[in-house]
Amino acid sequence: RSLHGSASIVGVDWTDGLDSARAFIREHHMTYPD
């Protein structure tokens, strides 16, 4: 939220179940590309 386009963050969920990954993203309000 503080980068304002100066850099990028990309998350990569590694070997997770799809439901668990989606729940983690919702729980942590992740807005950057994953």
Full PDB file with SEQRES, HELIX, SHEET, SSBOND, CRYST1, ORIGX, SCALE, CONECT and MASTER records, all heavy atoms in Angstrom:
SEQRES   1 A   34  ARG SER LEU HIS GLY SER ALA SER ILE VAL GLY VAL ASP          
SEQRES   2 A   34  TRP THR ASP GLY LEU ASP SER ALA ARG ALA PHE ILE ARG          
SEQRES   3 A   34  GLU HIS HIS MET THR TYR PRO ASP                              
HELIX    1 AA1 LEU A   18  GLU A   27  1                                  10    
CRYST1    1.000    1.000    1.000  90.00  90.00  90.00 P 1           1          
ORIGX1      1.000000  0.000000  0.000000        0.00000                         
ORIGX2      0.000000  1.000000  0.000000        0.00000                         
ORIGX3      0.000000  0.000000  1.000000        0.00000                         
SCALE1      1.000000  0.000000  0.000000        0.00000                         
SCALE2      0.000000  1.000000  0.000000        0.00000                         
SCALE3      0.000000  0.000000  1.000000        0.00000                         
ATOM      1  N   ARG A   1       0.822  -1.227   0.000  1.00  0.00           N  
ATOM      2  CA  ARG A   1       0.000   0.000   0.000  1.00  0.00           C  
ATOM      3  C   ARG A   1       0.851   1.271   0.000  1.00  0.00           C  
ATOM      4  O   ARG A   1       0.374   2.323  -0.384  1.00  0.00           O  
ATOM      5  CB  ARG A   1      -0.957  -0.013   1.175  1.00  0.00           C  
ATOM      6  CG  ARG A   1      -2.024  -1.085   1.041  1.00  0.00           C  
ATOM      7  CD  ARG A   1      -2.880  -1.197   2.293  1.00  0.00           C  
ATOM      8  NE  ARG A   1      -3.711  -2.362   2.250  1.00  0.00           N  
ATOM      9  CZ  ARG A   1      -5.006  -2.347   1.923  1.00  0.00           C  
ATOM     10  NH1 ARG A   1      -5.576  -1.224   1.588  1.00  0.00           N  
ATOM     11  NH2 ARG A   1      -5.696  -3.475   1.917  1.00  0.00           N  
ATOM     12  N   SER A   2       2.108   1.149   0.401  1.00  0.00           N  
ATOM     13  CA  SER A   2       2.981   2.333   0.476  1.00  0.00           C  
ATOM     14  C   SER A   2       3.878   2.507  -0.755  1.00  0.00           C  
ATOM     15  O   SER A   2       4.536   3.534  -0.881  1.00  0.00           O  
ATOM     16  CB  SER A   2       3.860   2.253   1.724  1.00  0.00           C  
ATOM     17  OG  SER A   2       4.876   1.282   1.553  1.00  0.00           O  
ATOM     18  N   LEU A   3       3.903   1.547  -1.652  1.00  0.00           N  
ATOM     19  CA  LEU A   3       4.844   1.604  -2.784  1.00  0.00           C  
ATOM     20  C   LEU A   3       4.447   2.610  -3.860  1.00  0.00           C  
ATOM     21  O   LEU A   3       5.321   3.168  -4.530  1.00  0.00           O  
ATOM     22  CB  LEU A   3       5.004   0.220  -3.414  1.00  0.00           C  
ATOM     23  CG  LEU A   3       5.760  -0.793  -2.567  1.00  0.00           C  
ATOM     24  CD1 LEU A   3       5.735  -2.170  -3.224  1.00  0.00           C  
ATOM     25  CD2 LEU A   3       7.189  -0.336  -2.331  1.00  0.00           C  
ATOM     26  N   HIS A   4       3.175   2.822  -4.070  1.00  0.00           N  
ATOM     27  CA  HIS A   4       2.674   3.798  -5.049  1.00  0.00           C  
ATOM     28  C   HIS A   4       3.339   3.637  -6.416  1.00  0.00           C  
ATOM     29  O   HIS A   4       3.720   4.623  -7.052  1.00  0.00           O  
ATOM     30  CB  HIS A   4       2.844   5.230  -4.536  1.00  0.00           C  
ATOM     31  CG  HIS A   4       2.251   5.444  -3.185  1.00  0.00           C  
ATOM     32  ND1 HIS A   4       0.883   5.378  -2.956  1.00  0.00           N  
ATOM     33  CD2 HIS A   4       2.828   5.686  -1.989  1.00  0.00           C  
ATOM     34  CE1 HIS A   4       0.649   5.584  -1.672  1.00  0.00           C  
ATOM     35  NE2 HIS A   4       1.807   5.772  -1.054  1.00  0.00           N  
ATOM     36  N   GLY A   5       3.520   2.399  -6.849  1.00  0.00           N  
ATOM     37  CA  GLY A   5       4.049   2.133  -8.172  1.00  0.00           C  
ATOM     38  C   GLY A   5       5.562   2.166  -8.307  1.00  0.00           C  
ATOM     39  O   GLY A   5       6.094   1.934  -9.388  1.00  0.00           O  
ATOM     40  N   SER A   6       6.290   2.431  -7.212  1.00  0.00           N  
ATOM     41  CA  SER A   6       7.753   2.499  -7.295  1.00  0.00           C  
ATOM     42  C   SER A   6       8.398   1.114  -7.387  1.00  0.00           C  
ATOM     43  O   SER A   6       9.551   0.991  -7.793  1.00  0.00           O  
ATOM     44  CB  SER A   6       8.319   3.246  -6.087  1.00  0.00           C  
ATOM     45  OG  SER A   6       8.037   2.542  -4.887  1.00  0.00           O  
ATOM     46  N   ALA A   7       7.670   0.087  -7.012  1.00  0.00           N  
ATOM     47  CA  ALA A   7       8.134  -1.308  -7.052  1.00  0.00           C  
ATOM     48  C   ALA A   7       6.888  -2.188  -7.029  1.00  0.00           C  
ATOM     49  O   ALA A   7       5.775  -1.696  -6.827  1.00  0.00           O  
ATOM     50  CB  ALA A   7       9.039  -1.610  -5.855  1.00  0.00           C  
ATOM     51  N   SER A   8       7.087  -3.474  -7.247  1.00  0.00           N  
ATOM     52  CA  SER A   8       5.966  -4.417  -7.250  1.00  0.00           C  
ATOM     53  C   SER A   8       6.201  -5.520  -6.228  1.00  0.00           C  
ATOM     54  O   SER A   8       7.342  -5.896  -5.959  1.00  0.00           O  
ATOM     55  CB  SER A   8       5.832  -5.080  -8.626  1.00  0.00           C  
ATOM     56  OG  SER A   8       5.567  -4.125  -9.609  1.00  0.00           O  
ATOM     57  N   ILE A   9       5.095  -6.032  -5.708  1.00  0.00           N  
ATOM     58  CA  ILE A   9       5.118  -7.231  -4.874  1.00  0.00           C  
ATOM     59  C   ILE A   9       4.233  -8.260  -5.566  1.00  0.00           C  
ATOM     60  O   ILE A   9       3.126  -7.936  -6.009  1.00  0.00           O  
ATOM     61  CB  ILE A   9       4.590  -6.972  -3.455  1.00  0.00           C  
ATOM     62  CG1 ILE A   9       5.470  -5.974  -2.726  1.00  0.00           C  
ATOM     63  CG2 ILE A   9       4.508  -8.284  -2.671  1.00  0.00           C  
ATOM     64  CD1 ILE A   9       4.983  -5.638  -1.333  1.00  0.00           C  
ATOM     65  N   VAL A  10       4.733  -9.484  -5.641  1.00  0.00           N  
ATOM     66  CA  VAL A  10       3.960 -10.589  -6.189  1.00  0.00           C  
ATOM     67  C   VAL A  10       4.065 -11.738  -5.197  1.00  0.00           C  
ATOM     68  O   VAL A  10       5.163 -12.133  -4.806  1.00  0.00           O  
ATOM     69  CB  VAL A  10       4.509 -11.039  -7.568  1.00  0.00           C  
ATOM     70  CG1 VAL A  10       3.717 -12.235  -8.085  1.00  0.00           C  
ATOM     71  CG2 VAL A  10       4.488  -9.893  -8.563  1.00  0.00           C  
ATOM     72  N   GLY A  11       2.926 -12.253  -4.773  1.00  0.00           N  
ATOM     73  CA  GLY A  11       2.910 -13.414  -3.900  1.00  0.00           C  
ATOM     74  C   GLY A  11       2.835 -14.687  -4.726  1.00  0.00           C  
ATOM     75  O   GLY A  11       2.215 -14.705  -5.793  1.00  0.00           O  
ATOM     76  N   VAL A  12       3.462 -15.741  -4.227  1.00  0.00           N  
ATOM     77  CA  VAL A  12       3.373 -17.058  -4.866  1.00  0.00           C  
ATOM     78  C   VAL A  12       3.045 -18.073  -3.779  1.00  0.00           C  
ATOM     79  O   VAL A  12       3.862 -18.344  -2.896  1.00  0.00           O  
ATOM     80  CB  VAL A  12       4.686 -17.453  -5.591  1.00  0.00           C  
ATOM     81  CG1 VAL A  12       4.544 -18.853  -6.197  1.00  0.00           C  
ATOM     82  CG2 VAL A  12       5.059 -16.431  -6.661  1.00  0.00           C  
ATOM     83  N   ASP A  13       1.819 -18.577  -3.840  1.00  0.00           N  
ATOM     84  CA  ASP A  13       1.394 -19.627  -2.908  1.00  0.00           C  
ATOM     85  C   ASP A  13       2.039 -20.930  -3.337  1.00  0.00           C  
ATOM     86  O   ASP A  13       1.888 -21.367  -4.477  1.00  0.00           O  
ATOM     87  CB  ASP A  13      -0.127 -19.739  -2.940  1.00  0.00           C  
ATOM     88  CG  ASP A  13      -0.607 -20.919  -2.134  1.00  0.00           C  
ATOM     89  OD1 ASP A  13      -0.188 -21.061  -0.974  1.00  0.00           O  
ATOM     90  OD2 ASP A  13      -1.380 -21.728  -2.676  1.00  0.00           O  
ATOM     91  N   TRP A  14       2.752 -21.556  -2.415  1.00  0.00           N  
ATOM     92  CA  TRP A  14       3.567 -22.726  -2.736  1.00  0.00           C  
ATOM     93  C   TRP A  14       2.954 -24.003  -2.178  1.00  0.00           C  
ATOM     94  O   TRP A  14       2.816 -24.158  -0.959  1.00  0.00           O  
ATOM     95  CB  TRP A  14       4.976 -22.522  -2.188  1.00  0.00           C  
ATOM     96  CG  TRP A  14       5.940 -23.564  -2.599  1.00  0.00           C  
ATOM     97  CD1 TRP A  14       6.489 -23.742  -3.833  1.00  0.00           C  
ATOM     98  CD2 TRP A  14       6.486 -24.587  -1.769  1.00  0.00           C  
ATOM     99  NE1 TRP A  14       7.342 -24.815  -3.817  1.00  0.00           N  
ATOM    100  CE2 TRP A  14       7.359 -25.351  -2.552  1.00  0.00           C  
ATOM    101  CE3 TRP A  14       6.318 -24.928  -0.430  1.00  0.00           C  
ATOM    102  CZ2 TRP A  14       8.067 -26.432  -2.057  1.00  0.00           C  
ATOM    103  CZ3 TRP A  14       7.016 -26.000   0.061  1.00  0.00           C  
ATOM    104  CH2 TRP A  14       7.881 -26.745  -0.742  1.00  0.00           C  
ATOM    105  N   THR A  15       2.559 -24.902  -3.039  1.00  0.00           N  
ATOM    106  CA  THR A  15       2.074 -26.263  -2.757  1.00  0.00           C  
ATOM    107  C   THR A  15       0.924 -26.326  -1.752  1.00  0.00           C  
ATOM    108  O   THR A  15       0.827 -27.268  -0.973  1.00  0.00           O  
ATOM    109  CB  THR A  15       3.213 -27.202  -2.295  1.00  0.00           C  
ATOM    110  OG1 THR A  15       3.689 -26.800  -1.018  1.00  0.00           O  
ATOM    111  CG2 THR A  15       4.342 -27.244  -3.296  1.00  0.00           C  
ATOM    112  N   ASP A  16       0.063 -25.364  -1.792  1.00  0.00           N  
ATOM    113  CA  ASP A  16      -1.079 -25.301  -0.892  1.00  0.00           C  
ATOM    114  C   ASP A  16      -2.320 -25.886  -1.554  1.00  0.00           C  
ATOM    115  O   ASP A  16      -2.408 -25.919  -2.781  1.00  0.00           O  
ATOM    116  CB  ASP A  16      -1.394 -23.827  -0.613  1.00  0.00           C  
ATOM    117  CG  ASP A  16      -1.406 -23.482   0.849  1.00  0.00           C  
ATOM    118  OD1 ASP A  16      -1.529 -24.387   1.685  1.00  0.00           O  
ATOM    119  OD2 ASP A  16      -1.299 -22.290   1.151  1.00  0.00           O  
ATOM    120  N   GLY A  17      -3.292 -26.258  -0.750  1.00  0.00           N  
ATOM    121  CA  GLY A  17      -4.611 -26.568  -1.275  1.00  0.00           C  
ATOM    122  C   GLY A  17      -5.279 -25.260  -1.689  1.00  0.00           C  
ATOM    123  O   GLY A  17      -5.060 -24.214  -1.070  1.00  0.00           O  
ATOM    124  N   LEU A  18      -6.087 -25.298  -2.729  1.00  0.00           N  
ATOM    125  CA  LEU A  18      -6.708 -24.089  -3.262  1.00  0.00           C  
ATOM    126  C   LEU A  18      -7.581 -23.389  -2.224  1.00  0.00           C  
ATOM    127  O   LEU A  18      -7.497 -22.165  -2.055  1.00  0.00           O  
ATOM    128  CB  LEU A  18      -7.522 -24.430  -4.516  1.00  0.00           C  
ATOM    129  CG  LEU A  18      -8.144 -23.249  -5.247  1.00  0.00           C  
ATOM    130  CD1 LEU A  18      -7.081 -22.229  -5.651  1.00  0.00           C  
ATOM    131  CD2 LEU A  18      -8.909 -23.750  -6.471  1.00  0.00           C  
ATOM    132  N   ASP A  19      -8.401 -24.119  -1.499  1.00  0.00           N  
ATOM    133  CA  ASP A  19      -9.270 -23.503  -0.483  1.00  0.00           C  
ATOM    134  C   ASP A  19      -8.455 -22.854   0.630  1.00  0.00           C  
ATOM    135  O   ASP A  19      -8.778 -21.756   1.091  1.00  0.00           O  
ATOM    136  CB  ASP A  19     -10.239 -24.534   0.105  1.00  0.00           C  
ATOM    137  CG  ASP A  19     -11.289 -24.989  -0.901  1.00  0.00           C  
ATOM    138  OD1 ASP A  19     -11.515 -24.266  -1.900  1.00  0.00           O  
ATOM    139  OD2 ASP A  19     -11.873 -26.075  -0.689  1.00  0.00           O  
ATOM    140  N   SER A  20      -7.386 -23.520   1.058  1.00  0.00           N  
ATOM    141  CA  SER A  20      -6.531 -22.958   2.113  1.00  0.00           C  
ATOM    142  C   SER A  20      -5.848 -21.680   1.639  1.00  0.00           C  
ATOM    143  O   SER A  20      -5.750 -20.706   2.384  1.00  0.00           O  
ATOM    144  CB  SER A  20      -5.468 -23.973   2.528  1.00  0.00           C  
ATOM    145  OG  SER A  20      -6.078 -25.124   3.069  1.00  0.00           O  
ATOM    146  N   ALA A  21      -5.386 -21.687   0.403  1.00  0.00           N  
ATOM    147  CA  ALA A  21      -4.729 -20.495  -0.152  1.00  0.00           C  
ATOM    148  C   ALA A  21      -5.705 -19.324  -0.226  1.00  0.00           C  
ATOM    149  O   ALA A  21      -5.377 -18.202   0.175  1.00  0.00           O  
ATOM    150  CB  ALA A  21      -4.159 -20.805  -1.527  1.00  0.00           C  
ATOM    151  N   ARG A  22      -6.891 -19.580  -0.725  1.00  0.00           N  
ATOM    152  CA  ARG A  22      -7.898 -18.509  -0.831  1.00  0.00           C  
ATOM    153  C   ARG A  22      -8.293 -17.973   0.546  1.00  0.00           C  
ATOM    154  O   ARG A  22      -8.483 -16.768   0.723  1.00  0.00           O  
ATOM    155  CB  ARG A  22      -9.113 -19.015  -1.588  1.00  0.00           C  
ATOM    156  CG  ARG A  22      -8.833 -19.160  -3.067  1.00  0.00           C  
ATOM    157  CD  ARG A  22     -10.055 -19.614  -3.817  1.00  0.00           C  
ATOM    158  NE  ARG A  22      -9.807 -19.591  -5.251  1.00  0.00           N  
ATOM    159  CZ  ARG A  22     -10.436 -20.356  -6.120  1.00  0.00           C  
ATOM    160  NH1 ARG A  22     -11.357 -21.215  -5.713  1.00  0.00           N  
ATOM    161  NH2 ARG A  22     -10.142 -20.280  -7.396  1.00  0.00           N  
ATOM    162  N   ALA A  23      -8.423 -18.861   1.529  1.00  0.00           N  
ATOM    163  CA  ALA A  23      -8.759 -18.424   2.887  1.00  0.00           C  
ATOM    164  C   ALA A  23      -7.650 -17.546   3.467  1.00  0.00           C  
ATOM    165  O   ALA A  23      -7.919 -16.537   4.128  1.00  0.00           O  
ATOM    166  CB  ALA A  23      -9.011 -19.633   3.781  1.00  0.00           C  
ATOM    167  N   PHE A  24      -6.397 -17.907   3.241  1.00  0.00           N  
ATOM    168  CA  PHE A  24      -5.249 -17.128   3.708  1.00  0.00           C  
ATOM    169  C   PHE A  24      -5.275 -15.724   3.086  1.00  0.00           C  
ATOM    170  O   PHE A  24      -5.081 -14.718   3.772  1.00  0.00           O  
ATOM    171  CB  PHE A  24      -3.957 -17.857   3.333  1.00  0.00           C  
ATOM    172  CG  PHE A  24      -2.696 -17.218   3.840  1.00  0.00           C  
ATOM    173  CD1 PHE A  24      -2.161 -17.588   5.068  1.00  0.00           C  
ATOM    174  CD2 PHE A  24      -2.022 -16.256   3.098  1.00  0.00           C  
ATOM    175  CE1 PHE A  24      -0.983 -17.019   5.539  1.00  0.00           C  
ATOM    176  CE2 PHE A  24      -0.850 -15.681   3.549  1.00  0.00           C  
ATOM    177  CZ  PHE A  24      -0.334 -16.066   4.779  1.00  0.00           C  
ATOM    178  N   ILE A  25      -5.537 -15.665   1.801  1.00  0.00           N  
ATOM    179  CA  ILE A  25      -5.592 -14.375   1.091  1.00  0.00           C  
ATOM    180  C   ILE A  25      -6.710 -13.504   1.660  1.00  0.00           C  
ATOM    181  O   ILE A  25      -6.509 -12.310   1.907  1.00  0.00           O  
ATOM    182  CB  ILE A  25      -5.769 -14.616  -0.425  1.00  0.00           C  
ATOM    183  CG1 ILE A  25      -4.464 -15.168  -1.005  1.00  0.00           C  
ATOM    184  CG2 ILE A  25      -6.211 -13.349  -1.146  1.00  0.00           C  
ATOM    185  CD1 ILE A  25      -4.589 -15.739  -2.403  1.00  0.00           C  
ATOM    186  N   ARG A  26      -7.880 -14.089   1.897  1.00  0.00           N  
ATOM    187  CA  ARG A  26      -8.996 -13.330   2.489  1.00  0.00           C  
ATOM    188  C   ARG A  26      -8.651 -12.867   3.899  1.00  0.00           C  
ATOM    189  O   ARG A  26      -8.888 -11.709   4.259  1.00  0.00           O  
ATOM    190  CB  ARG A  26     -10.265 -14.190   2.528  1.00  0.00           C  
ATOM    191  CG  ARG A  26     -11.040 -14.214   1.241  1.00  0.00           C  
ATOM    192  CD  ARG A  26     -12.419 -14.840   1.419  1.00  0.00           C  
ATOM    193  NE  ARG A  26     -12.407 -16.129   2.094  1.00  0.00           N  
ATOM    194  CZ  ARG A  26     -12.209 -17.294   1.499  1.00  0.00           C  
ATOM    195  NH1 ARG A  26     -12.017 -17.354   0.202  1.00  0.00           N  
ATOM    196  NH2 ARG A  26     -12.227 -18.411   2.192  1.00  0.00           N  
ATOM    197  N   GLU A  27      -8.112 -13.767   4.698  1.00  0.00           N  
ATOM    198  CA  GLU A  27      -7.786 -13.458   6.095  1.00  0.00           C  
ATOM    199  C   GLU A  27      -6.806 -12.290   6.203  1.00  0.00           C  
ATOM    200  O   GLU A  27      -6.911 -11.466   7.103  1.00  0.00           O  
ATOM    201  CB  GLU A  27      -7.178 -14.700   6.758  1.00  0.00           C  
ATOM    202  CG  GLU A  27      -6.725 -14.491   8.183  1.00  0.00           C  
ATOM    203  CD  GLU A  27      -6.041 -15.726   8.763  1.00  0.00           C  
ATOM    204  OE1 GLU A  27      -6.171 -16.838   8.182  1.00  0.00           O  
ATOM    205  OE2 GLU A  27      -5.373 -15.569   9.796  1.00  0.00           O  
ATOM    206  N   HIS A  28      -5.858 -12.222   5.279  1.00  0.00           N  
ATOM    207  CA  HIS A  28      -4.817 -11.189   5.343  1.00  0.00           C  
ATOM    208  C   HIS A  28      -5.074 -10.021   4.397  1.00  0.00           C  
ATOM    209  O   HIS A  28      -4.209  -9.153   4.247  1.00  0.00           O  
ATOM    210  CB  HIS A  28      -3.445 -11.821   5.097  1.00  0.00           C  
ATOM    211  CG  HIS A  28      -3.089 -12.789   6.175  1.00  0.00           C  
ATOM    212  ND1 HIS A  28      -2.732 -12.404   7.448  1.00  0.00           N  
ATOM    213  CD2 HIS A  28      -3.086 -14.144   6.186  1.00  0.00           C  
ATOM    214  CE1 HIS A  28      -2.508 -13.478   8.183  1.00  0.00           C  
ATOM    215  NE2 HIS A  28      -2.722 -14.541   7.450  1.00  0.00           N  
ATOM    216  N   HIS A  29      -6.264 -10.007   3.772  1.00  0.00           N  
ATOM    217  CA  HIS A  29      -6.671  -8.886   2.912  1.00  0.00           C  
ATOM    218  C   HIS A  29      -5.603  -8.553   1.869  1.00  0.00           C  
ATOM    219  O   HIS A  29      -5.276  -7.386   1.656  1.00  0.00           O  
ATOM    220  CB  HIS A  29      -7.008  -7.652   3.752  1.00  0.00           C  
ATOM    221  CG  HIS A  29      -7.930  -7.946   4.884  1.00  0.00           C  
ATOM    222  ND1 HIS A  29      -9.278  -8.213   4.690  1.00  0.00           N  
ATOM    223  CD2 HIS A  29      -7.715  -8.060   6.216  1.00  0.00           C  
ATOM    224  CE1 HIS A  29      -9.840  -8.463   5.861  1.00  0.00           C  
ATOM    225  NE2 HIS A  29      -8.918  -8.380   6.801  1.00  0.00           N  
ATOM    226  N   MET A  30      -5.072  -9.587   1.253  1.00  0.00           N  
ATOM    227  CA  MET A  30      -3.987  -9.400   0.283  1.00  0.00           C  
ATOM    228  C   MET A  30      -4.553  -8.807  -1.008  1.00  0.00           C  
ATOM    229  O   MET A  30      -5.461  -9.374  -1.611  1.00  0.00           O  
ATOM    230  CB  MET A  30      -3.280 -10.733   0.034  1.00  0.00           C  
ATOM    231  CG  MET A  30      -2.589 -11.253   1.302  1.00  0.00           C  
ATOM    232  SD  MET A  30      -2.140 -13.000   1.238  1.00  0.00           S  
ATOM    233  CE  MET A  30      -0.648 -12.908   0.274  1.00  0.00           C  
ATOM    234  N   THR A  31      -3.996  -7.659  -1.409  1.00  0.00           N  
ATOM    235  CA  THR A  31      -4.478  -6.965  -2.600  1.00  0.00           C  
ATOM    236  C   THR A  31      -3.476  -7.002  -3.746  1.00  0.00           C  
ATOM    237  O   THR A  31      -3.829  -6.685  -4.870  1.00  0.00           O  
ATOM    238  CB  THR A  31      -4.798  -5.495  -2.270  1.00  0.00           C  
ATOM    239  OG1 THR A  31      -3.610  -4.860  -1.791  1.00  0.00           O  
ATOM    240  CG2 THR A  31      -5.900  -5.396  -1.240  1.00  0.00           C  
ATOM    241  N   TYR A  32      -2.247  -7.367  -3.479  1.00  0.00           N  
ATOM    242  CA  TYR A  32      -1.257  -7.441  -4.556  1.00  0.00           C  
ATOM    243  C   TYR A  32      -1.426  -8.769  -5.294  1.00  0.00           C  
ATOM    244  O   TYR A  32      -2.024  -9.708  -4.772  1.00  0.00           O  
ATOM    245  CB  TYR A  32       0.171  -7.260  -4.025  1.00  0.00           C  
ATOM    246  CG  TYR A  32       0.552  -8.147  -2.869  1.00  0.00           C  
ATOM    247  CD1 TYR A  32       1.060  -9.419  -3.082  1.00  0.00           C  
ATOM    248  CD2 TYR A  32       0.402  -7.705  -1.558  1.00  0.00           C  
ATOM    249  CE1 TYR A  32       1.426 -10.237  -2.021  1.00  0.00           C  
ATOM    250  CE2 TYR A  32       0.760  -8.513  -0.486  1.00  0.00           C  
ATOM    251  CZ  TYR A  32       1.268  -9.771  -0.728  1.00  0.00           C  
ATOM    252  OH  TYR A  32       1.623 -10.574   0.327  1.00  0.00           O  
ATOM    253  N   PRO A  33      -0.911  -8.848  -6.528  1.00  0.00           N  
ATOM    254  CA  PRO A  33      -1.084 -10.081  -7.309  1.00  0.00           C  
ATOM    255  C   PRO A  33      -0.529 -11.302  -6.575  1.00  0.00           C  
ATOM    256  O   PRO A  33       0.540 -11.238  -5.977  1.00  0.00           O  
ATOM    257  CB  PRO A  33      -0.278  -9.821  -8.582  1.00  0.00           C  
ATOM    258  CG  PRO A  33      -0.170  -8.344  -8.677  1.00  0.00           C  
ATOM    259  CD  PRO A  33      -0.161  -7.844  -7.261  1.00  0.00           C  
ATOM    260  N   ASP A  34      -1.296 -12.362  -6.621  1.00  0.00           N  
ATOM    261  CA  ASP A  34      -0.870 -13.633  -6.037  1.00  0.00           C  
ATOM    262  C   ASP A  34      -1.082 -14.741  -7.049  1.00  0.00           C  
ATOM    263  O   ASP A  34      -2.141 -14.841  -7.657  1.00  0.00           O  
ATOM    264  CB  ASP A  34      -1.657 -13.947  -4.755  1.00  0.00           C  
ATOM    265  CG  ASP A  34      -0.855 -13.620  -3.528  1.00  0.00           C  
ATOM    266  OD1 ASP A  34       0.063 -14.403  -3.202  1.00  0.00           O  
ATOM    267  OD2 ASP A  34      -1.138 -12.588  -2.894  1.00  0.00           O  
TER     268      ASP A  34                                                      
MASTER        0    0    0    1    0    0    0    6  267    1    0    3          
END                                                                             
